[in-house]
Amino acid sequence: MGGYRLPLEIFLIGIIIVAVPYFATNNIANAYLDTVFDPEIALDRQIPVWNWTILPYALLYMFYPATLLLCPKDDRGYSELVVFMQMLIMVTAFCCVIFLVLPAEIDLRDQIDWDSMNAWETILFEFIHMSDNPWNAWPSLHIVHSYLLARAMTVWIMRKRGDSPILWNAVLVTVWTEWTLLSVSILTTKQHYLFDLLAGIIVAHLAWLALQKTLSEINDLGPNQFAREYGWTD
């Protein structure tokens, strides 16, 4: 499949092992649970609603295919993609446990002025509200996932940059500009509390730090020896 078979398999695994647990816990919390830990502070209601930021919020869902497309089509890139996916699965499982043990309802949507929206803003808000109940507050998986995916893309962009520095620098700036806007958007669309943002950054960065040893081993041993070392192949 021209080097795209593994990324496609990773995409399907992600739907089953990452997306399903999130939406399952989200609906369980909405139907059966009550808030145990409420992270809301006064500042959360003082942050304004910026309708247009629903766009960078929704663009999280472009991070997943973008990461798969940027993955180098070689053994090193594939090895890194697999360990990135393993970490994404583990950190999602960790967050889902928190969602069930310490559930928190995000009751900020009453601040949204629907009459002030234009057509595309209304469509995106309605889609998000229809698909995502106001639970699974902290750590924000929007932040955890986007941070880890942005860091993964950065690794591969930096490796590609020597060929076309202007192009790849522009891609790198685009990735991190979107991540910054996305981080702001979880607050200005009233999807999350400030605590959720900070908790998401902390969890994501700790997960990234935990990955460094494995990424170094792939680089030092080479992907084939790494695969043999960890029983991926005979």
Foldseek 3Di string as FASTA:
>chain_A
DVLQPLLVVLVVVCCVLQVVLVLVLQVCCVPPNDAQDEPADPVLQVQAADLVLLVLQVCLVVLSVVLSVLQDSDLLSSLVVVVLSVLSSVLSVVLSVCCNPRKYFQPRQVNDDLVPDDDVSNVSLVVCCVRGHRISAALDVSLLVLVSSLVSSVVSLVVVCVVPVVVSVVVNVVSVVSSVSNLSSCRNNSSYHPVNSVRSVVSNVVSVVVCPVVSVCCVVVPSVSSCVVVVVDD
